């Protein structure tokens, strides 16, 4: 509350907040109650609408995100035009009836798909060594819902690299700021920010990996 009061008093027009969702919920809640409406720029972890609802005990809390700029390496969980989201939602409806499909479920299902590909690439009798070797040599080629490249090799454990920018609507959906959903990336040191060139792999038929 102290910081929000300071920001408002200083008439800050833009506030960049990279935090966990519970902290984001507190900041947005206090700002809303005070009538303070800067342009928020939020990190991907801190802008999870499901956590906001839980933290504020308010089923409509996602409306606090409206107008905020966010970043993501994944498609939005509400984007039913995305082939990965469409399939994962169908799986969730069939096998987890009554469970809301959100970013947490999307990321979890995507991790499961990556795990299957890693095990397939590790061979019929996988060992710890063969699994690590498979990830290092083939991990960057695995099909994934993420738009950012999966940086896994003998020299890197960076994981997903690259984010696209969007703006949240009243429903809590992140809408791309540009039609092409441009993905930006950089390194962990002092490298420049560049537009990512990697293209997302197509969804395997029925979501079942067939890699080797």
N, C-alpha and C. Protein backbone atom coordinates (compact mmCIF):
# COMPACT_ATOMS: atom_id res chain seq x y z
N UNK A 1 0.83 -1.20 0.00
CA UNK A 1 0.00 0.00 0.00
C UNK A 1 0.87 1.26 0.00
N UNK A 2 1.98 1.22 0.75
CA UNK A 2 2.87 2.38 0.82
C UNK A 2 3.41 2.74 -0.55
N UNK A 3 3.85 1.72 -1.30
CA UNK A 3 4.41 1.99 -2.62
C UNK A 3 3.36 2.50 -3.59
N UNK A 4 2.17 1.95 -3.55
CA UNK A 4 1.11 2.42 -4.43
C UNK A 4 0.79 3.88 -4.12
N UNK A 5 0.76 4.22 -2.84
CA UNK A 5 0.52 5.62 -2.45
C UNK A 5 1.62 6.52 -2.97
N UNK A 6 2.86 6.05 -2.91
CA UNK A 6 3.99 6.84 -3.42
C UNK A 6 3.89 7.01 -4.94
N UNK A 7 3.57 5.93 -5.63
CA UNK A 7 3.44 6.02 -7.09
C UNK A 7 2.35 7.01 -7.47
N UNK A 8 1.22 6.90 -6.80
CA UNK A 8 0.10 7.80 -7.10
C UNK A 8 0.46 9.24 -6.78
N UNK A 9 1.13 9.45 -5.63
CA UNK A 9 1.52 10.80 -5.24
C UNK A 9 2.51 11.42 -6.20
N UNK A 10 3.38 10.58 -6.77
CA UNK A 10 4.37 11.06 -7.74
C UNK A 10 3.81 11.13 -9.15
N UNK A 11 2.55 10.75 -9.29
CA UNK A 11 1.85 10.74 -10.58
C UNK A 11 2.57 9.87 -11.61
N UNK A 12 3.04 8.72 -11.17
CA UNK A 12 3.67 7.77 -12.09
C UNK A 12 2.64 7.29 -13.10
N UNK A 13 2.96 7.38 -14.37
CA UNK A 13 2.01 7.00 -15.41
C UNK A 13 2.17 5.55 -15.83
N UNK A 14 3.36 4.98 -15.63
CA UNK A 14 3.65 3.60 -16.00
C UNK A 14 4.29 2.89 -14.81
N UNK A 15 3.76 1.73 -14.46
CA UNK A 15 4.32 0.94 -13.37
C UNK A 15 4.65 -0.45 -13.90
N UNK A 16 5.92 -0.84 -13.81
CA UNK A 16 6.36 -2.16 -14.23
C UNK A 16 6.45 -3.04 -12.99
N UNK A 17 5.73 -4.15 -13.00
CA UNK A 17 5.66 -5.01 -11.82
C UNK A 17 5.90 -6.47 -12.21
N UNK A 18 7.06 -7.00 -11.85
CA UNK A 18 7.37 -8.40 -12.08
C UNK A 18 7.34 -9.08 -10.71
N UNK A 19 6.25 -9.74 -10.41
CA UNK A 19 6.06 -10.32 -9.08
C UNK A 19 5.24 -11.59 -9.19
N UNK A 20 5.06 -12.28 -8.07
CA UNK A 20 4.14 -13.41 -8.05
C UNK A 20 2.72 -12.86 -8.06
N UNK A 21 1.76 -13.70 -8.43
CA UNK A 21 0.39 -13.22 -8.63
C UNK A 21 -0.25 -12.67 -7.36
N UNK A 22 0.10 -13.23 -6.20
CA UNK A 22 -0.49 -12.72 -4.96
C UNK A 22 -0.07 -11.28 -4.70
N UNK A 23 1.19 -10.95 -5.03
CA UNK A 23 1.66 -9.57 -4.88
C UNK A 23 1.01 -8.66 -5.91
N UNK A 24 0.83 -9.18 -7.13
CA UNK A 24 0.14 -8.41 -8.16
C UNK A 24 -1.29 -8.12 -7.72
N UNK A 25 -1.94 -9.12 -7.16
CA UNK A 25 -3.32 -8.96 -6.70
C UNK A 25 -3.41 -7.85 -5.66
N UNK A 26 -2.47 -7.85 -4.72
CA UNK A 26 -2.47 -6.83 -3.67
C UNK A 26 -2.27 -5.44 -4.27
N UNK A 27 -1.32 -5.31 -5.19
CA UNK A 27 -1.03 -4.02 -5.80
C UNK A 27 -2.20 -3.50 -6.62
N UNK A 28 -2.77 -4.37 -7.47
CA UNK A 28 -3.89 -3.94 -8.30
C UNK A 28 -5.12 -3.63 -7.46
N UNK A 29 -5.32 -4.41 -6.40
CA UNK A 29 -6.48 -4.18 -5.54
C UNK A 29 -6.40 -2.84 -4.83
N UNK A 30 -5.22 -2.53 -4.27
CA UNK A 30 -5.03 -1.26 -3.57
C UNK A 30 -5.16 -0.09 -4.55
N UNK A 31 -4.54 -0.23 -5.73
CA UNK A 31 -4.60 0.84 -6.73
C UNK A 31 -6.03 1.10 -7.18
N UNK A 32 -6.78 0.02 -7.40
CA UNK A 32 -8.17 0.16 -7.83
C UNK A 32 -9.01 0.87 -6.77
N UNK A 33 -8.82 0.49 -5.52
CA UNK A 33 -9.57 1.10 -4.43
C UNK A 33 -9.25 2.58 -4.28
N UNK A 34 -8.01 2.95 -4.64
CA UNK A 34 -7.59 4.34 -4.52
C UNK A 34 -7.88 5.15 -5.78
N UNK A 35 -8.40 4.48 -6.81
CA UNK A 35 -8.68 5.17 -8.05
C UNK A 35 -7.44 5.51 -8.85
N UNK A 36 -6.35 4.81 -8.55
CA UNK A 36 -5.08 5.04 -9.25
C UNK A 36 -5.01 4.10 -10.45
N UNK A 37 -4.86 4.68 -11.65
CA UNK A 37 -4.92 3.88 -12.87
C UNK A 37 -3.74 4.16 -13.80
N UNK A 38 -2.56 3.69 -13.44
CA UNK A 38 -1.41 3.84 -14.34
C UNK A 38 -1.47 2.78 -15.44
N UNK A 39 -0.56 2.86 -16.38
CA UNK A 39 -0.40 1.77 -17.34
C UNK A 39 0.46 0.71 -16.68
N UNK A 40 -0.15 -0.42 -16.35
CA UNK A 40 0.60 -1.50 -15.72
C UNK A 40 1.29 -2.35 -16.79
N UNK A 41 2.52 -2.76 -16.50
CA UNK A 41 3.24 -3.74 -17.33
C UNK A 41 3.63 -4.88 -16.40
N UNK A 42 3.07 -6.06 -16.66
CA UNK A 42 3.19 -7.18 -15.73
C UNK A 42 3.98 -8.34 -16.31
N UNK A 43 4.68 -9.07 -15.46
CA UNK A 43 5.37 -10.27 -15.89
C UNK A 43 4.39 -11.42 -16.09
N UNK A 44 4.83 -12.48 -16.74
CA UNK A 44 3.93 -13.59 -17.06
C UNK A 44 3.44 -14.32 -15.81
N UNK A 45 4.31 -14.52 -14.84
CA UNK A 45 3.93 -15.23 -13.62
C UNK A 45 2.94 -14.42 -12.79
N UNK A 46 3.15 -13.12 -12.71
CA UNK A 46 2.34 -12.28 -11.85
C UNK A 46 0.99 -11.89 -12.39
N UNK A 47 0.68 -12.32 -13.60
CA UNK A 47 -0.59 -11.91 -14.21
C UNK A 47 -1.52 -13.09 -14.42
N UNK A 48 -1.45 -14.06 -13.54
CA UNK A 48 -2.32 -15.23 -13.65
C UNK A 48 -3.68 -14.92 -13.04
N UNK A 49 -4.71 -14.87 -13.87
CA UNK A 49 -6.03 -14.45 -13.40
C UNK A 49 -6.62 -15.40 -12.35
N UNK A 50 -6.32 -16.69 -12.47
CA UNK A 50 -6.84 -17.66 -11.49
C UNK A 50 -6.32 -17.35 -10.09
N UNK A 51 -5.04 -17.07 -9.99
CA UNK A 51 -4.45 -16.76 -8.69
C UNK A 51 -4.97 -15.43 -8.16
N UNK A 52 -5.21 -14.47 -9.05
CA UNK A 52 -5.77 -13.19 -8.62
C UNK A 52 -7.13 -13.40 -7.96
N UNK A 53 -7.95 -14.24 -8.57
CA UNK A 53 -9.29 -14.50 -8.02
C UNK A 53 -9.20 -15.13 -6.63
N UNK A 54 -8.26 -16.08 -6.49
CA UNK A 54 -8.10 -16.76 -5.20
C UNK A 54 -7.55 -15.80 -4.15
N UNK A 55 -6.52 -15.03 -4.52
CA UNK A 55 -5.87 -14.12 -3.57
C UNK A 55 -6.82 -13.04 -3.06
N UNK A 56 -7.70 -12.57 -3.93
CA UNK A 56 -8.62 -11.50 -3.56
C UNK A 56 -10.00 -12.03 -3.17
N UNK A 57 -10.17 -13.37 -3.25
CA UNK A 57 -11.46 -13.98 -2.94
C UNK A 57 -12.58 -13.30 -3.72
N UNK A 58 -12.31 -13.10 -5.00
CA UNK A 58 -13.25 -12.39 -5.86
C UNK A 58 -13.27 -13.06 -7.23
N UNK A 59 -14.38 -13.71 -7.61
CA UNK A 59 -14.44 -14.41 -8.90
C UNK A 59 -14.34 -13.50 -10.11
N UNK A 60 -14.46 -12.18 -9.89
CA UNK A 60 -14.37 -11.23 -10.99
C UNK A 60 -13.05 -10.45 -10.97
N UNK A 61 -12.10 -10.91 -10.19
CA UNK A 61 -10.86 -10.16 -9.99
C UNK A 61 -10.05 -10.01 -11.27
N UNK A 62 -10.29 -10.88 -12.27
CA UNK A 62 -9.52 -10.76 -13.51
C UNK A 62 -9.76 -9.42 -14.18
N UNK A 63 -10.89 -8.75 -13.85
CA UNK A 63 -11.18 -7.44 -14.44
C UNK A 63 -10.14 -6.40 -14.05
N UNK A 64 -9.43 -6.63 -12.94
CA UNK A 64 -8.38 -5.70 -12.53
C UNK A 64 -7.24 -5.67 -13.53
N UNK A 65 -7.11 -6.73 -14.32
CA UNK A 65 -6.05 -6.81 -15.33
C UNK A 65 -6.38 -5.99 -16.57
N UNK A 66 -7.63 -5.60 -16.73
CA UNK A 66 -8.08 -4.94 -17.95
C UNK A 66 -7.20 -3.72 -18.28
N UNK A 67 -6.63 -3.74 -19.49
CA UNK A 67 -5.79 -2.63 -19.93
C UNK A 67 -4.33 -2.78 -19.61
N UNK A 68 -3.98 -3.73 -18.73
CA UNK A 68 -2.57 -3.93 -18.39
C UNK A 68 -1.85 -4.63 -19.53
N UNK A 69 -0.59 -4.31 -19.71
CA UNK A 69 0.24 -4.97 -20.72
C UNK A 69 0.93 -6.16 -20.05
N UNK A 70 0.90 -7.30 -20.70
CA UNK A 70 1.53 -8.49 -20.16
C UNK A 70 2.42 -9.16 -21.19
N UNK A 71 3.20 -10.13 -20.76
CA UNK A 71 4.07 -10.89 -21.65
C UNK A 71 3.83 -12.37 -21.42
N UNK A 72 4.08 -13.16 -22.44
CA UNK A 72 3.89 -14.61 -22.31
C UNK A 72 4.72 -15.35 -23.35
N UNK A 73 5.16 -16.55 -23.00
CA UNK A 73 5.82 -17.41 -23.99
C UNK A 73 4.83 -18.44 -24.52
N UNK A 74 3.64 -18.51 -23.90
CA UNK A 74 2.60 -19.46 -24.29
C UNK A 74 1.44 -18.73 -24.95
N UNK A 75 0.57 -19.46 -25.67
CA UNK A 75 -0.67 -18.84 -26.13
C UNK A 75 -1.55 -18.56 -24.92
N UNK A 76 -2.53 -17.70 -25.07
CA UNK A 76 -3.44 -17.44 -23.95
C UNK A 76 -4.39 -18.62 -23.80
N UNK A 77 -4.68 -18.98 -22.56
CA UNK A 77 -5.54 -20.14 -22.28
C UNK A 77 -6.97 -19.95 -22.78
N UNK A 78 -7.36 -18.70 -23.06
CA UNK A 78 -8.71 -18.43 -23.55
C UNK A 78 -8.77 -18.35 -25.07
N UNK A 79 -7.61 -18.49 -25.73
CA UNK A 79 -7.55 -18.38 -27.19
C UNK A 79 -7.90 -19.73 -27.84
N UNK A 80 -9.17 -19.93 -28.09
CA UNK A 80 -9.63 -21.21 -28.64
C UNK A 80 -9.33 -21.36 -30.12
N UNK A 81 -8.74 -20.35 -30.75
CA UNK A 81 -8.31 -20.48 -32.15
C UNK A 81 -6.94 -21.14 -32.24
N UNK A 82 -6.24 -21.24 -31.12
CA UNK A 82 -4.92 -21.87 -31.10
C UNK A 82 -5.09 -23.38 -31.05
N UNK A 83 -4.38 -24.09 -31.94
CA UNK A 83 -4.57 -25.54 -32.04
C UNK A 83 -4.18 -26.29 -30.76
N UNK A 84 -3.14 -25.83 -30.09
CA UNK A 84 -2.74 -26.48 -28.84
C UNK A 84 -3.78 -26.23 -27.75
N UNK A 85 -4.21 -24.99 -27.63
CA UNK A 85 -5.21 -24.65 -26.61
C UNK A 85 -6.50 -25.42 -26.86
N UNK A 86 -6.91 -25.49 -28.11
CA UNK A 86 -8.16 -26.19 -28.45
C UNK A 86 -8.09 -27.65 -28.02
N UNK A 87 -7.00 -28.34 -28.35
CA UNK A 87 -6.86 -29.75 -27.97
C UNK A 87 -6.77 -29.93 -26.46
N UNK A 88 -5.94 -29.13 -25.82
CA UNK A 88 -5.77 -29.25 -24.37
C UNK A 88 -7.08 -28.98 -23.63
N UNK A 89 -7.87 -28.06 -24.14
CA UNK A 89 -9.17 -27.79 -23.51
C UNK A 89 -10.08 -29.01 -23.65
N UNK A 90 -10.04 -29.66 -24.81
CA UNK A 90 -10.85 -30.86 -25.02
C UNK A 90 -10.43 -31.97 -24.06
N UNK A 91 -9.12 -32.13 -23.89
CA UNK A 91 -8.60 -33.15 -22.97
C UNK A 91 -9.04 -32.83 -21.53
N UNK A 92 -8.95 -31.57 -21.17
CA UNK A 92 -9.34 -31.16 -19.82
C UNK A 92 -10.82 -31.40 -19.57
N UNK A 93 -11.64 -31.09 -20.55
CA UNK A 93 -13.08 -31.29 -20.41
C UNK A 93 -13.42 -32.77 -20.25
N UNK A 94 -12.71 -33.63 -21.01
CA UNK A 94 -13.01 -35.06 -20.98
C UNK A 94 -12.50 -35.73 -19.71
N UNK A 95 -11.28 -35.41 -19.31
CA UNK A 95 -10.66 -36.15 -18.21
C UNK A 95 -10.66 -35.41 -16.87
N UNK A 96 -10.95 -34.11 -16.89
CA UNK A 96 -11.02 -33.35 -15.64
C UNK A 96 -12.28 -32.49 -15.63
N UNK A 97 -13.44 -33.13 -15.75
CA UNK A 97 -14.69 -32.36 -15.80
C UNK A 97 -14.87 -31.50 -14.55
N UNK A 98 -15.28 -30.27 -14.79
CA UNK A 98 -15.50 -29.36 -13.67
C UNK A 98 -14.28 -28.54 -13.30
N UNK A 99 -13.13 -28.86 -13.89
CA UNK A 99 -11.90 -28.11 -13.60
C UNK A 99 -11.74 -27.01 -14.65
N UNK A 100 -11.62 -25.78 -14.19
CA UNK A 100 -11.45 -24.66 -15.12
C UNK A 100 -10.14 -24.81 -15.88
N UNK A 101 -10.19 -24.54 -17.18
CA UNK A 101 -8.97 -24.57 -17.98
C UNK A 101 -8.34 -23.19 -17.93
N UNK A 102 -7.14 -23.11 -17.38
CA UNK A 102 -6.45 -21.83 -17.28
C UNK A 102 -4.98 -22.00 -17.66
N UNK A 103 -4.20 -20.96 -17.46
CA UNK A 103 -2.79 -21.01 -17.83
C UNK A 103 -2.04 -22.11 -17.09
N UNK A 104 -2.41 -22.34 -15.84
CA UNK A 104 -1.73 -23.39 -15.06
C UNK A 104 -1.94 -24.76 -15.68
N UNK A 105 -3.17 -25.04 -16.12
CA UNK A 105 -3.47 -26.32 -16.76
C UNK A 105 -2.76 -26.40 -18.11
N UNK A 106 -2.77 -25.31 -18.86
CA UNK A 106 -2.12 -25.26 -20.17
C UNK A 106 -0.63 -25.57 -20.05
N UNK A 107 0.04 -24.92 -19.13
CA UNK A 107 1.48 -25.14 -18.94
C UNK A 107 1.74 -26.58 -18.48
N UNK A 108 0.88 -27.10 -17.62
CA UNK A 108 1.04 -28.47 -17.14
C UNK A 108 0.91 -29.50 -18.25
N UNK A 109 -0.10 -29.33 -19.11
CA UNK A 109 -0.29 -30.27 -20.22
C UNK A 109 0.85 -30.15 -21.22
N UNK A 110 1.34 -28.94 -21.42
CA UNK A 110 2.46 -28.77 -22.34
C UNK A 110 3.71 -29.45 -21.78
N UNK A 111 3.92 -29.35 -20.48
CA UNK A 111 5.05 -30.02 -19.84
C UNK A 111 4.94 -31.53 -19.99
N UNK A 112 3.71 -32.05 -19.90
CA UNK A 112 3.50 -33.49 -20.07
C UNK A 112 3.86 -33.92 -21.49
N UNK A 113 3.48 -33.10 -22.48
CA UNK A 113 3.80 -33.42 -23.87
C UNK A 113 5.32 -33.42 -24.08
N UNK A 114 6.00 -32.47 -23.47
CA UNK A 114 7.46 -32.42 -23.59
C UNK A 114 8.10 -33.64 -22.92
N UNK A 115 7.54 -34.05 -21.80
CA UNK A 115 8.06 -35.21 -21.08
C UNK A 115 7.95 -36.48 -21.92
N UNK A 116 6.81 -36.65 -22.58
CA UNK A 116 6.62 -37.82 -23.45
C UNK A 116 7.67 -37.82 -24.56
N UNK A 117 7.91 -36.65 -25.16
CA UNK A 117 8.90 -36.57 -26.25
C UNK A 117 10.30 -36.87 -25.74
N UNK A 118 10.61 -36.40 -24.55
CA UNK A 118 11.93 -36.66 -23.97
C UNK A 118 12.12 -38.16 -23.71
N UNK A 119 11.10 -38.81 -23.20
CA UNK A 119 11.19 -40.25 -22.93
C UNK A 119 11.29 -41.05 -24.22
N UNK A 120 10.56 -40.64 -25.24
CA UNK A 120 10.65 -41.33 -26.53
C UNK A 120 12.06 -41.19 -27.11
N UNK A 121 12.60 -39.98 -27.01
CA UNK A 121 13.93 -39.73 -27.56
C UNK A 121 15.03 -40.44 -26.78
N UNK A 122 14.73 -40.80 -25.53
CA UNK A 122 15.73 -41.46 -24.68
C UNK A 122 15.86 -42.95 -24.97
N UNK A 123 14.98 -43.51 -25.80
CA UNK A 123 15.09 -44.92 -26.17
C UNK A 123 14.13 -45.82 -25.41
N UNK A 124 14.10 -47.10 -25.81
CA UNK A 124 13.15 -48.05 -25.22
C UNK A 124 13.42 -48.34 -23.75
N UNK A 125 14.66 -48.30 -23.36
CA UNK A 125 15.02 -48.54 -21.96
C UNK A 125 15.77 -47.32 -21.43
N UNK A 126 15.04 -46.24 -21.19
CA UNK A 126 15.70 -44.99 -20.82
C UNK A 126 16.41 -45.05 -19.47
N UNK A 127 17.52 -44.38 -19.41
CA UNK A 127 18.26 -44.21 -18.17
C UNK A 127 18.38 -42.71 -17.92
N UNK A 128 18.87 -42.37 -16.76
CA UNK A 128 19.07 -40.95 -16.47
C UNK A 128 19.99 -40.32 -17.51
N UNK A 129 21.06 -41.04 -17.84
CA UNK A 129 22.03 -40.51 -18.80
C UNK A 129 21.42 -40.36 -20.19
N UNK A 130 20.65 -41.36 -20.64
CA UNK A 130 20.07 -41.28 -21.99
C UNK A 130 19.00 -40.20 -22.06
N UNK A 131 18.29 -39.98 -20.96
CA UNK A 131 17.26 -38.94 -20.93
C UNK A 131 17.90 -37.56 -21.03
N UNK A 132 18.96 -37.35 -20.27
CA UNK A 132 19.66 -36.06 -20.32
C UNK A 132 20.25 -35.84 -21.70
N UNK A 133 20.85 -36.89 -22.27
CA UNK A 133 21.44 -36.79 -23.60
C UNK A 133 20.38 -36.46 -24.65
N UNK A 134 19.21 -37.08 -24.53
CA UNK A 134 18.13 -36.82 -25.47
C UNK A 134 17.66 -35.37 -25.38
N UNK A 135 17.53 -34.87 -24.16
CA UNK A 135 17.12 -33.48 -23.97
C UNK A 135 18.16 -32.53 -24.55
N UNK A 136 19.42 -32.83 -24.31
CA UNK A 136 20.48 -31.93 -24.77
C UNK A 136 20.60 -31.91 -26.29
N UNK A 137 20.39 -33.05 -26.92
CA UNK A 137 20.58 -33.12 -28.37
C UNK A 137 19.31 -32.85 -29.18
N UNK A 138 18.14 -33.11 -28.58
CA UNK A 138 16.90 -32.99 -29.35
C UNK A 138 15.83 -32.10 -28.71
N UNK A 139 16.06 -31.68 -27.48
CA UNK A 139 15.05 -30.93 -26.75
C UNK A 139 14.54 -29.69 -27.47
N UNK A 140 15.43 -29.00 -28.17
CA UNK A 140 15.03 -27.76 -28.85
C UNK A 140 14.10 -28.02 -30.03
N UNK A 141 13.98 -29.28 -30.45
CA UNK A 141 13.12 -29.61 -31.60
C UNK A 141 11.76 -30.15 -31.17
N UNK A 142 11.54 -30.35 -29.89
CA UNK A 142 10.28 -30.93 -29.43
C UNK A 142 9.10 -30.01 -29.72
N UNK A 143 7.98 -30.62 -30.09
CA UNK A 143 6.74 -29.87 -30.32
C UNK A 143 6.26 -29.30 -28.99
N UNK A 144 5.81 -28.06 -29.03
CA UNK A 144 5.39 -27.39 -27.80
C UNK A 144 4.42 -26.27 -28.13
N UNK A 145 3.53 -25.98 -27.20
CA UNK A 145 2.59 -24.88 -27.39
C UNK A 145 3.28 -23.53 -27.30
N UNK A 146 4.47 -23.50 -26.72
CA UNK A 146 5.17 -22.24 -26.50
C UNK A 146 5.62 -21.60 -27.81
N UNK A 147 5.56 -20.29 -27.84
CA UNK A 147 6.06 -19.54 -28.99
C UNK A 147 7.55 -19.28 -28.85
N UNK A 148 8.04 -19.27 -27.62
CA UNK A 148 9.46 -19.06 -27.40
C UNK A 148 10.22 -20.36 -27.62
N UNK A 149 11.44 -20.24 -28.13
CA UNK A 149 12.27 -21.41 -28.39
C UNK A 149 12.69 -22.07 -27.08
N UNK A 150 12.74 -23.41 -27.07
CA UNK A 150 13.17 -24.15 -25.88
C UNK A 150 14.69 -24.31 -25.94
N UNK A 151 15.38 -23.54 -25.12
CA UNK A 151 16.84 -23.56 -25.12
C UNK A 151 17.34 -24.61 -24.13
N UNK A 152 17.57 -25.81 -24.63
CA UNK A 152 18.11 -26.90 -23.83
C UNK A 152 19.21 -27.57 -24.65
N UNK A 153 20.42 -27.56 -24.13
CA UNK A 153 21.55 -28.16 -24.84
C UNK A 153 22.64 -28.49 -23.83
N UNK A 154 23.79 -28.89 -24.33
CA UNK A 154 24.89 -29.21 -23.42
C UNK A 154 25.42 -27.96 -22.73
N UNK A 155 25.14 -26.80 -23.30
CA UNK A 155 25.66 -25.55 -22.73
C UNK A 155 24.59 -24.65 -22.15
N UNK A 156 23.33 -25.04 -22.26
CA UNK A 156 22.25 -24.17 -21.77
C UNK A 156 21.12 -24.96 -21.13
N UNK A 157 20.60 -24.38 -20.06
CA UNK A 157 19.40 -24.91 -19.40
C UNK A 157 18.40 -23.76 -19.24
N UNK A 158 18.43 -22.85 -20.19
CA UNK A 158 17.62 -21.62 -20.07
C UNK A 158 16.13 -21.90 -20.11
N UNK A 159 15.73 -22.98 -20.79
CA UNK A 159 14.30 -23.25 -20.93
C UNK A 159 13.70 -22.40 -22.03
N UNK A 160 12.46 -22.01 -21.88
CA UNK A 160 11.81 -21.23 -22.94
C UNK A 160 12.39 -19.82 -22.99
N UNK A 161 12.76 -19.41 -24.18
CA UNK A 161 13.31 -18.07 -24.39
C UNK A 161 12.41 -17.32 -25.35
N UNK A 162 12.11 -16.10 -25.05
CA UNK A 162 11.28 -15.29 -25.93
C UNK A 162 9.87 -15.10 -25.40
N UNK A 163 9.39 -13.88 -25.49
CA UNK A 163 8.05 -13.53 -25.03
C UNK A 163 7.36 -12.63 -26.06
N UNK A 164 6.05 -12.73 -26.12
CA UNK A 164 5.27 -11.80 -26.94
C UNK A 164 4.48 -10.90 -26.00
N UNK A 165 4.14 -9.72 -26.49
CA UNK A 165 3.44 -8.73 -25.67
C UNK A 165 1.97 -8.66 -26.04
N UNK A 166 1.14 -8.47 -25.02
CA UNK A 166 -0.29 -8.34 -25.25
C UNK A 166 -0.91 -7.41 -24.23
N UNK A 167 -2.21 -7.17 -24.39
CA UNK A 167 -2.95 -6.33 -23.44
C UNK A 167 -4.16 -7.13 -22.95
N UNK A 168 -4.38 -7.12 -21.65
CA UNK A 168 -5.48 -7.88 -21.06
C UNK A 168 -6.83 -7.19 -21.29
N UNK A 169 -7.87 -8.00 -21.52
CA UNK A 169 -9.22 -7.46 -21.61
C UNK A 169 -9.98 -7.76 -20.32
N UNK A 170 -11.25 -7.42 -20.28
CA UNK A 170 -12.04 -7.60 -19.06
C UNK A 170 -12.15 -9.06 -18.62
N UNK A 171 -12.07 -9.97 -19.60
CA UNK A 171 -12.18 -11.40 -19.29
C UNK A 171 -10.87 -11.98 -18.77
N UNK A 172 -9.81 -11.18 -18.79
CA UNK A 172 -8.51 -11.67 -18.34
C UNK A 172 -7.70 -12.33 -19.44
N UNK A 173 -8.17 -12.21 -20.69
CA UNK A 173 -7.45 -12.78 -21.83
C UNK A 173 -6.37 -11.80 -22.30
N UNK A 174 -5.21 -12.34 -22.65
CA UNK A 174 -4.11 -11.52 -23.15
C UNK A 174 -4.20 -11.48 -24.68
N UNK A 175 -4.47 -10.30 -25.22
CA UNK A 175 -4.64 -10.13 -26.66
C UNK A 175 -3.36 -9.55 -27.25
N UNK A 176 -2.77 -10.17 -28.28
CA UNK A 176 -1.51 -9.68 -28.84
C UNK A 176 -1.58 -8.21 -29.25
N UNK A 177 -0.49 -7.48 -29.00
CA UNK A 177 -0.43 -6.08 -29.39
C UNK A 177 -0.24 -5.92 -30.88
N UNK A 178 0.27 -6.95 -31.53
CA UNK A 178 0.44 -6.90 -32.98
C UNK A 178 -0.13 -8.17 -33.59
N UNK A 179 -0.57 -8.06 -34.83
CA UNK A 179 -1.25 -9.18 -35.49
C UNK A 179 -0.35 -10.40 -35.63
N UNK A 180 0.95 -10.19 -35.76
CA UNK A 180 1.85 -11.32 -35.99
C UNK A 180 2.35 -11.99 -34.73
N UNK A 181 1.94 -11.49 -33.55
CA UNK A 181 2.41 -12.02 -32.28
C UNK A 181 3.94 -12.14 -32.29
N UNK A 182 4.60 -11.00 -32.45
CA UNK A 182 6.06 -10.96 -32.50
C UNK A 182 6.66 -11.42 -31.18
N UNK A 183 7.62 -12.33 -31.27
CA UNK A 183 8.30 -12.84 -30.08
C UNK A 183 9.67 -12.17 -29.98
N UNK A 184 9.97 -11.63 -28.80
CA UNK A 184 11.24 -10.96 -28.57
C UNK A 184 12.09 -11.80 -27.63
N UNK A 185 13.40 -11.77 -27.85
CA UNK A 185 14.29 -12.56 -27.01
C UNK A 185 15.60 -11.82 -26.78
N UNK A 186 16.35 -12.27 -25.81
CA UNK A 186 17.68 -11.73 -25.53
C UNK A 186 18.45 -12.81 -24.77
N UNK A 187 19.61 -12.47 -24.23
CA UNK A 187 20.35 -13.46 -23.44
C UNK A 187 20.33 -13.05 -21.97
N UNK A 188 21.05 -13.78 -21.16
CA UNK A 188 21.06 -13.50 -19.72
C UNK A 188 22.13 -12.50 -19.32
N UNK A 189 22.85 -11.98 -20.30
CA UNK A 189 23.92 -11.03 -20.01
C UNK A 189 23.52 -9.63 -20.48
N UNK A 190 24.24 -9.10 -21.45
CA UNK A 190 23.99 -7.73 -21.91
C UNK A 190 23.63 -7.68 -23.39
N UNK A 191 23.19 -8.80 -23.94
CA UNK A 191 22.86 -8.85 -25.36
C UNK A 191 21.66 -7.99 -25.70
N UNK A 192 21.53 -7.61 -26.97
CA UNK A 192 20.40 -6.78 -27.40
C UNK A 192 19.11 -7.58 -27.46
N UNK A 193 18.00 -6.89 -27.41
CA UNK A 193 16.70 -7.52 -27.59
C UNK A 193 16.46 -7.66 -29.09
N UNK A 194 16.13 -8.86 -29.54
CA UNK A 194 15.91 -9.10 -30.96
C UNK A 194 14.60 -9.84 -31.18
N UNK A 195 14.13 -9.81 -32.41
CA UNK A 195 12.94 -10.57 -32.76
C UNK A 195 13.34 -12.02 -33.00
N UNK A 196 12.65 -12.93 -32.35
CA UNK A 196 12.97 -14.35 -32.49
C UNK A 196 12.61 -14.84 -33.88
N UNK A 197 13.43 -15.72 -34.42
CA UNK A 197 13.20 -16.23 -35.77
C UNK A 197 12.60 -17.63 -35.78
N UNK A 198 12.69 -18.34 -34.65
CA UNK A 198 12.20 -19.71 -34.59
C UNK A 198 10.68 -19.77 -34.74
N UNK A 199 10.19 -20.78 -35.44
CA UNK A 199 8.76 -20.97 -35.62
C UNK A 199 8.28 -22.14 -34.76
N UNK A 200 7.08 -22.01 -34.24
CA UNK A 200 6.53 -23.06 -33.39
C UNK A 200 6.21 -24.30 -34.20
N UNK A 201 6.56 -25.47 -33.66
CA UNK A 201 6.26 -26.73 -34.35
C UNK A 201 4.76 -26.99 -34.33
N UNK A 202 4.29 -27.65 -35.39
CA UNK A 202 2.86 -27.96 -35.47
C UNK A 202 2.49 -28.98 -34.41
N UNK A 203 1.25 -28.96 -33.99
CA UNK A 203 0.74 -29.91 -33.00
C UNK A 203 0.77 -31.32 -33.58
N UNK A 204 1.35 -32.30 -32.87
CA UNK A 204 1.31 -33.69 -33.35
C UNK A 204 -0.13 -34.15 -33.50
N UNK A 205 -0.38 -35.06 -34.42
CA UNK A 205 -1.74 -35.56 -34.63
C UNK A 205 -2.34 -36.06 -33.32
N UNK A 206 -3.50 -35.54 -32.99
CA UNK A 206 -4.22 -35.89 -31.75
C UNK A 206 -3.39 -35.58 -30.50
N UNK A 207 -2.35 -34.78 -30.67
CA UNK A 207 -1.53 -34.40 -29.52
C UNK A 207 -0.60 -35.49 -29.04
N UNK A 208 -0.43 -36.54 -29.85
CA UNK A 208 0.40 -37.69 -29.44
C UNK A 208 1.75 -37.63 -30.16
N UNK A 209 2.84 -37.37 -29.46
CA UNK A 209 4.16 -37.29 -30.09
C UNK A 209 4.57 -38.61 -30.73
N UNK A 210 5.26 -38.52 -31.86
CA UNK A 210 5.76 -39.71 -32.56
C UNK A 210 7.26 -39.60 -32.82
N UNK A 211 7.91 -38.68 -32.11
CA UNK A 211 9.34 -38.47 -32.33
C UNK A 211 10.15 -39.67 -31.85
N UNK A 212 11.42 -39.68 -32.22
CA UNK A 212 12.31 -40.74 -31.76
C UNK A 212 13.67 -40.15 -31.44
